Amino acid sequence: MLITIEEREKIYTEPKFVLGKELIWRRKEGEGSAKLNVKVFRHNGEELSLRGTLRHRYSFALLYKGIIVIRQWDTARHRDPADVIFTGPHKHPRKDKGSIAWAYYVDDIPTDNVKKALHAFLKECNITVKGEYQPALF
């Protein structure tokens, strides 16, 4: 399944919302990491996915149909299709093989506070939080 770059950018910039009560990091017993998996709603009623991983580092992704990257932020070490190695905080507008815009370095998402980072990512993706937000991470 593919969508055009224009469709991805439209989804990325259009207003969306998430229910605050759903923004809960969950940890499975015995695992060192926590996960966030929340529905994001477009105003046309279509659902997207907001996923997050929290360990000693954290990452966020806004996904279409659960698999197509609309926007992703992380700090993991990656090698892009042009053999460029990304080692610091960066965003992925898409991960299409051969894409020139596979990733780019950023400094607009905090790397020392997961709550502030999540809210910065939501703001960037034009996602508002409706209802009460649970301040606890777990």
N, C-alpha and C. Protein backbone atom coordinates (compact mmCIF):
# COMPACT_ATOMS: atom_id res chain seq x y z
N MET A 1 0.85 -1.17 0.00
CA MET A 1 0.00 0.00 0.00
C MET A 1 0.90 1.24 0.00
N LEU A 2 0.64 2.11 -0.91
CA LEU A 2 1.41 3.34 -1.00
C LEU A 2 0.48 4.53 -1.02
N ILE A 3 0.95 5.64 -0.50
CA ILE A 3 0.25 6.91 -0.69
C ILE A 3 1.30 7.90 -1.18
N THR A 4 0.86 8.94 -1.82
CA THR A 4 1.80 9.90 -2.39
C THR A 4 2.42 10.76 -1.30
N ILE A 5 3.52 11.39 -1.65
CA ILE A 5 4.17 12.33 -0.73
C ILE A 5 3.21 13.46 -0.40
N GLU A 6 2.45 13.92 -1.38
CA GLU A 6 1.48 14.99 -1.16
C GLU A 6 0.41 14.57 -0.15
N GLU A 7 -0.06 13.32 -0.26
CA GLU A 7 -1.04 12.82 0.70
C GLU A 7 -0.45 12.74 2.11
N ARG A 8 0.80 12.31 2.21
CA ARG A 8 1.47 12.25 3.52
C ARG A 8 1.58 13.64 4.13
N GLU A 9 1.98 14.60 3.32
CA GLU A 9 2.13 15.97 3.83
C GLU A 9 0.79 16.55 4.25
N LYS A 10 -0.27 16.23 3.52
CA LYS A 10 -1.61 16.70 3.89
C LYS A 10 -2.00 16.14 5.25
N ILE A 11 -1.80 14.83 5.42
CA ILE A 11 -2.12 14.20 6.70
C ILE A 11 -1.28 14.80 7.82
N TYR A 12 -0.01 15.02 7.55
CA TYR A 12 0.92 15.57 8.55
C TYR A 12 0.48 16.96 9.02
N THR A 13 0.05 17.82 8.09
CA THR A 13 -0.24 19.21 8.44
C THR A 13 -1.69 19.46 8.87
N GLU A 14 -2.62 18.60 8.48
CA GLU A 14 -4.01 18.86 8.81
C GLU A 14 -4.27 18.69 10.31
N PRO A 15 -5.28 19.35 10.86
CA PRO A 15 -5.61 19.19 12.27
C PRO A 15 -6.09 17.76 12.56
N LYS A 16 -5.60 17.23 13.67
CA LYS A 16 -5.96 15.89 14.13
C LYS A 16 -6.12 15.96 15.65
N PHE A 17 -6.69 14.92 16.24
CA PHE A 17 -6.78 14.92 17.70
C PHE A 17 -6.62 13.51 18.25
N VAL A 18 -6.24 13.48 19.52
CA VAL A 18 -6.09 12.25 20.28
C VAL A 18 -6.83 12.46 21.60
N LEU A 19 -7.39 11.40 22.15
CA LEU A 19 -8.07 11.48 23.45
C LEU A 19 -7.02 11.42 24.55
N GLY A 20 -7.00 12.43 25.39
CA GLY A 20 -5.99 12.52 26.44
C GLY A 20 -5.95 11.32 27.36
N LYS A 21 -7.12 10.73 27.65
CA LYS A 21 -7.16 9.58 28.56
C LYS A 21 -6.47 8.35 27.96
N GLU A 22 -6.23 8.36 26.64
CA GLU A 22 -5.58 7.24 25.97
C GLU A 22 -4.05 7.37 25.94
N LEU A 23 -3.53 8.55 26.26
CA LEU A 23 -2.08 8.78 26.22
C LEU A 23 -1.41 8.17 27.45
N ILE A 24 -1.33 6.88 27.45
CA ILE A 24 -0.77 6.15 28.60
C ILE A 24 0.35 5.24 28.11
N TRP A 25 1.49 5.37 28.74
CA TRP A 25 2.61 4.46 28.45
C TRP A 25 2.34 3.16 29.20
N ARG A 26 2.50 2.04 28.52
CA ARG A 26 2.24 0.73 29.12
C ARG A 26 3.51 -0.10 29.10
N ARG A 27 3.71 -0.78 30.20
CA ARG A 27 4.89 -1.65 30.32
C ARG A 27 4.42 -3.06 30.62
N LYS A 28 4.91 -4.01 29.84
CA LYS A 28 4.61 -5.41 30.12
C LYS A 28 5.53 -5.88 31.23
N GLU A 29 5.00 -6.71 32.09
CA GLU A 29 5.78 -7.22 33.20
C GLU A 29 7.03 -7.92 32.68
N GLY A 30 8.16 -7.58 33.28
CA GLY A 30 9.42 -8.19 32.91
C GLY A 30 10.15 -7.47 31.77
N GLU A 31 9.51 -6.50 31.15
CA GLU A 31 10.15 -5.75 30.06
C GLU A 31 10.71 -4.44 30.60
N GLY A 32 11.82 -4.03 30.05
CA GLY A 32 12.44 -2.78 30.48
C GLY A 32 11.91 -1.56 29.77
N SER A 33 11.16 -1.75 28.70
CA SER A 33 10.67 -0.60 27.95
C SER A 33 9.17 -0.45 28.11
N ALA A 34 8.68 0.74 27.81
CA ALA A 34 7.25 1.02 27.82
C ALA A 34 6.84 1.40 26.41
N LYS A 35 5.58 1.15 26.10
CA LYS A 35 5.05 1.42 24.76
C LYS A 35 3.84 2.34 24.86
N LEU A 36 3.68 3.13 23.82
CA LEU A 36 2.52 3.99 23.65
C LEU A 36 1.91 3.61 22.31
N ASN A 37 0.62 3.30 22.29
CA ASN A 37 -0.06 2.96 21.05
C ASN A 37 -1.46 3.54 21.14
N VAL A 38 -1.68 4.65 20.44
CA VAL A 38 -2.89 5.44 20.60
C VAL A 38 -3.50 5.74 19.24
N LYS A 39 -4.82 5.79 19.18
CA LYS A 39 -5.50 6.19 17.96
C LYS A 39 -5.48 7.71 17.86
N VAL A 40 -5.19 8.19 16.66
CA VAL A 40 -5.26 9.61 16.34
C VAL A 40 -6.35 9.74 15.30
N PHE A 41 -7.20 10.74 15.47
CA PHE A 41 -8.35 10.88 14.60
C PHE A 41 -8.20 12.09 13.66
N ARG A 42 -8.38 11.80 12.38
CA ARG A 42 -8.47 12.87 11.40
C ARG A 42 -9.90 13.42 11.46
N HIS A 43 -10.10 14.64 10.98
CA HIS A 43 -11.44 15.22 11.05
C HIS A 43 -12.41 14.57 10.07
N ASN A 44 -11.92 13.77 9.15
CA ASN A 44 -12.81 13.03 8.26
C ASN A 44 -13.22 11.70 8.88
N GLY A 45 -12.76 11.43 10.12
CA GLY A 45 -13.13 10.21 10.83
C GLY A 45 -12.11 9.08 10.71
N GLU A 46 -11.18 9.22 9.79
CA GLU A 46 -10.18 8.17 9.61
C GLU A 46 -9.22 8.13 10.80
N GLU A 47 -8.78 6.92 11.15
CA GLU A 47 -7.87 6.76 12.28
C GLU A 47 -6.43 6.58 11.80
N LEU A 48 -5.52 7.21 12.53
CA LEU A 48 -4.08 7.02 12.38
C LEU A 48 -3.58 6.38 13.66
N SER A 49 -2.31 6.03 13.71
CA SER A 49 -1.71 5.47 14.93
C SER A 49 -0.58 6.36 15.40
N LEU A 50 -0.54 6.61 16.69
CA LEU A 50 0.59 7.26 17.33
C LEU A 50 1.26 6.20 18.18
N ARG A 51 2.52 5.94 17.88
CA ARG A 51 3.25 4.93 18.65
C ARG A 51 4.48 5.55 19.27
N GLY A 52 4.82 5.05 20.43
CA GLY A 52 6.01 5.52 21.12
C GLY A 52 6.70 4.37 21.82
N THR A 53 8.00 4.51 21.98
CA THR A 53 8.80 3.56 22.72
C THR A 53 9.63 4.33 23.73
N LEU A 54 9.70 3.83 24.94
CA LEU A 54 10.44 4.49 26.01
C LEU A 54 11.31 3.45 26.69
N ARG A 55 12.58 3.70 26.66
CA ARG A 55 13.55 2.88 27.37
C ARG A 55 14.55 3.86 27.95
N HIS A 56 15.83 3.74 27.67
CA HIS A 56 16.78 4.78 28.08
C HIS A 56 16.72 5.94 27.09
N ARG A 57 16.22 5.67 25.88
CA ARG A 57 15.89 6.69 24.88
C ARG A 57 14.42 6.51 24.55
N TYR A 58 13.87 7.42 23.78
CA TYR A 58 12.48 7.28 23.38
C TYR A 58 12.32 7.72 21.93
N SER A 59 11.19 7.30 21.35
CA SER A 59 10.89 7.63 19.97
C SER A 59 9.38 7.71 19.79
N PHE A 60 8.97 8.41 18.72
CA PHE A 60 7.55 8.56 18.40
C PHE A 60 7.35 8.40 16.91
N ALA A 61 6.18 7.89 16.53
CA ALA A 61 5.86 7.78 15.11
C ALA A 61 4.36 7.98 14.91
N LEU A 62 4.02 8.73 13.88
CA LEU A 62 2.64 8.88 13.43
C LEU A 62 2.52 8.05 12.17
N LEU A 63 1.61 7.07 12.19
CA LEU A 63 1.50 6.10 11.11
C LEU A 63 0.12 6.10 10.46
N TYR A 64 0.10 5.92 9.16
CA TYR A 64 -1.12 5.76 8.39
C TYR A 64 -1.31 4.28 8.12
N LYS A 65 -2.51 3.77 8.39
CA LYS A 65 -2.82 2.34 8.21
C LYS A 65 -1.87 1.46 9.01
N GLY A 66 -1.29 2.01 10.07
CA GLY A 66 -0.44 1.24 10.97
C GLY A 66 0.95 0.93 10.47
N ILE A 67 1.28 1.29 9.21
CA ILE A 67 2.59 0.92 8.68
C ILE A 67 3.30 2.02 7.90
N ILE A 68 2.56 3.01 7.41
CA ILE A 68 3.17 4.04 6.57
C ILE A 68 3.55 5.23 7.42
N VAL A 69 4.84 5.55 7.45
CA VAL A 69 5.34 6.65 8.27
C VAL A 69 4.86 7.98 7.70
N ILE A 70 4.13 8.72 8.54
CA ILE A 70 3.80 10.10 8.21
C ILE A 70 4.90 10.99 8.77
N ARG A 71 5.30 10.73 10.02
CA ARG A 71 6.44 11.40 10.63
C ARG A 71 6.94 10.53 11.76
N GLN A 72 8.25 10.44 11.90
CA GLN A 72 8.85 9.68 12.99
C GLN A 72 10.00 10.49 13.55
N TRP A 73 10.17 10.42 14.87
CA TRP A 73 11.30 11.07 15.53
C TRP A 73 11.99 10.03 16.39
N ASP A 74 13.31 9.98 16.31
CA ASP A 74 14.05 9.08 17.18
C ASP A 74 15.51 9.52 17.28
N THR A 75 16.24 8.79 18.11
CA THR A 75 17.67 9.07 18.29
C THR A 75 18.50 7.83 18.00
N ALA A 76 17.86 6.78 17.51
CA ALA A 76 18.57 5.53 17.23
C ALA A 76 19.54 5.73 16.05
N ARG A 77 20.59 4.95 16.06
CA ARG A 77 21.57 5.00 14.97
C ARG A 77 20.97 4.30 13.75
N HIS A 78 20.98 5.00 12.61
CA HIS A 78 20.45 4.44 11.36
C HIS A 78 21.43 4.70 10.23
N ARG A 79 21.37 3.85 9.25
CA ARG A 79 22.09 4.07 7.99
C ARG A 79 21.01 4.23 6.92
N ASP A 80 21.03 5.36 6.21
CA ASP A 80 20.01 5.59 5.19
C ASP A 80 20.38 4.92 3.86
N PRO A 81 19.48 4.95 2.88
CA PRO A 81 19.77 4.29 1.61
C PRO A 81 21.01 4.84 0.88
N ALA A 82 21.40 6.08 1.17
CA ALA A 82 22.60 6.66 0.54
C ALA A 82 23.84 6.39 1.38
N ASP A 83 23.72 5.53 2.41
CA ASP A 83 24.83 5.13 3.28
C ASP A 83 25.26 6.23 4.25
N VAL A 84 24.39 7.21 4.51
CA VAL A 84 24.64 8.23 5.52
C VAL A 84 24.21 7.67 6.87
N ILE A 85 25.05 7.85 7.88
CA ILE A 85 24.73 7.34 9.22
C ILE A 85 24.18 8.48 10.07
N PHE A 86 22.98 8.29 10.62
CA PHE A 86 22.35 9.25 11.52
C PHE A 86 22.58 8.76 12.94
N THR A 87 23.20 9.59 13.78
CA THR A 87 23.53 9.18 15.13
C THR A 87 22.86 10.01 16.21
N GLY A 88 22.30 11.16 15.87
CA GLY A 88 21.65 12.01 16.86
C GLY A 88 20.16 12.11 16.60
N PRO A 89 19.48 13.01 17.32
CA PRO A 89 18.04 13.17 17.13
C PRO A 89 17.72 13.54 15.68
N HIS A 90 16.78 12.83 15.10
CA HIS A 90 16.41 13.08 13.71
C HIS A 90 14.97 12.68 13.46
N LYS A 91 14.43 13.18 12.36
CA LYS A 91 13.06 12.87 11.97
C LYS A 91 13.07 12.17 10.62
N HIS A 92 12.06 11.34 10.46
CA HIS A 92 11.84 10.65 9.20
C HIS A 92 10.50 11.13 8.64
N PRO A 93 10.51 11.83 7.53
CA PRO A 93 9.22 12.13 6.90
C PRO A 93 8.67 10.91 6.19
N ARG A 94 9.55 10.02 5.81
CA ARG A 94 9.18 8.75 5.18
C ARG A 94 10.44 7.90 5.10
N LYS A 95 10.27 6.62 4.90
CA LYS A 95 11.42 5.73 4.80
C LYS A 95 11.39 4.97 3.49
N ASP A 96 10.93 5.65 2.44
CA ASP A 96 10.90 5.01 1.12
C ASP A 96 12.31 4.71 0.69
N LYS A 97 12.51 3.53 0.16
CA LYS A 97 13.83 3.19 -0.34
C LYS A 97 14.20 4.14 -1.47
N GLY A 98 15.37 4.69 -1.40
CA GLY A 98 15.83 5.61 -2.44
C GLY A 98 15.37 7.04 -2.24
N SER A 99 14.60 7.30 -1.19
CA SER A 99 14.11 8.66 -0.96
C SER A 99 15.26 9.58 -0.56
N ILE A 100 15.34 10.73 -1.18
CA ILE A 100 16.37 11.71 -0.83
C ILE A 100 16.11 12.25 0.57
N ALA A 101 14.84 12.40 0.93
CA ALA A 101 14.47 12.96 2.23
C ALA A 101 14.19 11.85 3.24
N TRP A 102 15.06 10.86 3.32
CA TRP A 102 14.85 9.72 4.19
C TRP A 102 14.83 10.13 5.66
N ALA A 103 15.71 11.06 6.05
CA ALA A 103 15.76 11.55 7.43
C ALA A 103 16.50 12.87 7.44
N TYR A 104 16.30 13.63 8.53
CA TYR A 104 17.04 14.88 8.70
C TYR A 104 17.23 15.16 10.18
N TYR A 105 18.38 15.75 10.52
CA TYR A 105 18.69 16.08 11.91
C TYR A 105 17.82 17.22 12.42
N VAL A 106 17.46 17.15 13.71
CA VAL A 106 16.64 18.19 14.35
C VAL A 106 17.10 18.40 15.78
N ASP A 107 16.69 19.52 16.34
CA ASP A 107 16.93 19.76 17.77
C ASP A 107 15.70 20.37 18.43
N ASP A 108 14.51 20.17 17.84
CA ASP A 108 13.30 20.78 18.37
C ASP A 108 12.46 19.86 19.26
N ILE A 109 12.92 18.64 19.49
CA ILE A 109 12.24 17.70 20.40
C ILE A 109 13.20 17.45 21.56
N PRO A 110 12.76 17.72 22.80
CA PRO A 110 13.66 17.50 23.94
C PRO A 110 14.12 16.05 24.05
N THR A 111 15.38 15.87 24.38
CA THR A 111 15.91 14.51 24.56
C THR A 111 16.08 14.16 26.03
N ASP A 112 15.66 15.06 26.92
CA ASP A 112 15.84 14.82 28.35
C ASP A 112 14.52 14.78 29.14
N ASN A 113 13.38 14.87 28.45
CA ASN A 113 12.09 14.88 29.13
C ASN A 113 11.04 14.29 28.19
N VAL A 114 10.62 13.06 28.45
CA VAL A 114 9.73 12.36 27.54
C VAL A 114 8.36 13.04 27.44
N LYS A 115 7.85 13.60 28.52
CA LYS A 115 6.55 14.27 28.48
C LYS A 115 6.61 15.50 27.57
N LYS A 116 7.64 16.31 27.73
CA LYS A 116 7.79 17.49 26.87
C LYS A 116 8.04 17.07 25.42
N ALA A 117 8.79 16.00 25.24
CA ALA A 117 9.07 15.51 23.89
C ALA A 117 7.79 15.05 23.21
N LEU A 118 6.95 14.31 23.92
CA LEU A 118 5.69 13.85 23.35
C LEU A 118 4.84 15.04 22.94
N HIS A 119 4.72 16.03 23.80
CA HIS A 119 3.90 17.19 23.47
C HIS A 119 4.49 17.99 22.30
N ALA A 120 5.80 18.06 22.21
CA ALA A 120 6.43 18.73 21.07
C ALA A 120 6.13 17.98 19.78
N PHE A 121 6.18 16.65 19.83
CA PHE A 121 5.88 15.85 18.65
C PHE A 121 4.41 16.01 18.25
N LEU A 122 3.51 15.98 19.22
CA LEU A 122 2.09 16.19 18.93
C LEU A 122 1.85 17.55 18.29
N LYS A 123 2.48 18.58 18.84
CA LYS A 123 2.32 19.93 18.29
C LYS A 123 2.83 19.99 16.85
N GLU A 124 3.99 19.42 16.62
CA GLU A 124 4.56 19.43 15.27
C GLU A 124 3.63 18.75 14.27
N CYS A 125 3.01 17.65 14.69
CA CYS A 125 2.13 16.89 13.79
C CYS A 125 0.71 17.44 13.77
N ASN A 126 0.48 18.58 14.43
CA ASN A 126 -0.82 19.24 14.47
C ASN A 126 -1.89 18.35 15.10
N ILE A 127 -1.50 17.71 16.20
CA ILE A 127 -2.42 16.84 16.95
C ILE A 127 -2.74 17.51 18.27
N THR A 128 -4.03 17.76 18.52
CA THR A 128 -4.44 18.32 19.79
C THR A 128 -4.91 17.20 20.71
N VAL A 129 -4.81 17.45 22.01
CA VAL A 129 -5.25 16.49 23.01
C VAL A 129 -6.62 16.92 23.49
N LYS A 130 -7.61 16.04 23.34
CA LYS A 130 -8.97 16.31 23.81
C LYS A 130 -9.20 15.58 25.11
N GLY A 131 -9.74 16.31 26.08
CA GLY A 131 -10.04 15.70 27.37
C GLY A 131 -8.84 15.72 28.29
N GLU A 132 -9.00 15.03 29.40
CA GLU A 132 -7.96 15.01 30.42
C GLU A 132 -6.78 14.15 29.99
N TYR A 133 -5.61 14.61 30.36
CA TYR A 133 -4.35 13.90 30.06
C TYR A 133 -3.84 13.32 31.36
N GLN A 134 -3.41 12.07 31.31
CA GLN A 134 -2.85 11.40 32.48
C GLN A 134 -1.40 11.82 32.64
N PRO A 135 -1.04 12.53 33.70
CA PRO A 135 0.34 12.99 33.83
C PRO A 135 1.36 11.88 34.10
N ALA A 136 0.92 10.76 34.69
CA ALA A 136 1.85 9.68 35.00
C ALA A 136 2.27 8.96 33.73
N LEU A 137 3.51 8.52 33.67
CA LEU A 137 4.01 7.82 32.50
C LEU A 137 3.56 6.36 32.46
N PHE A 138 3.38 5.75 33.60
CA PHE A 138 3.02 4.33 33.62
C PHE A 138 1.81 4.11 34.47
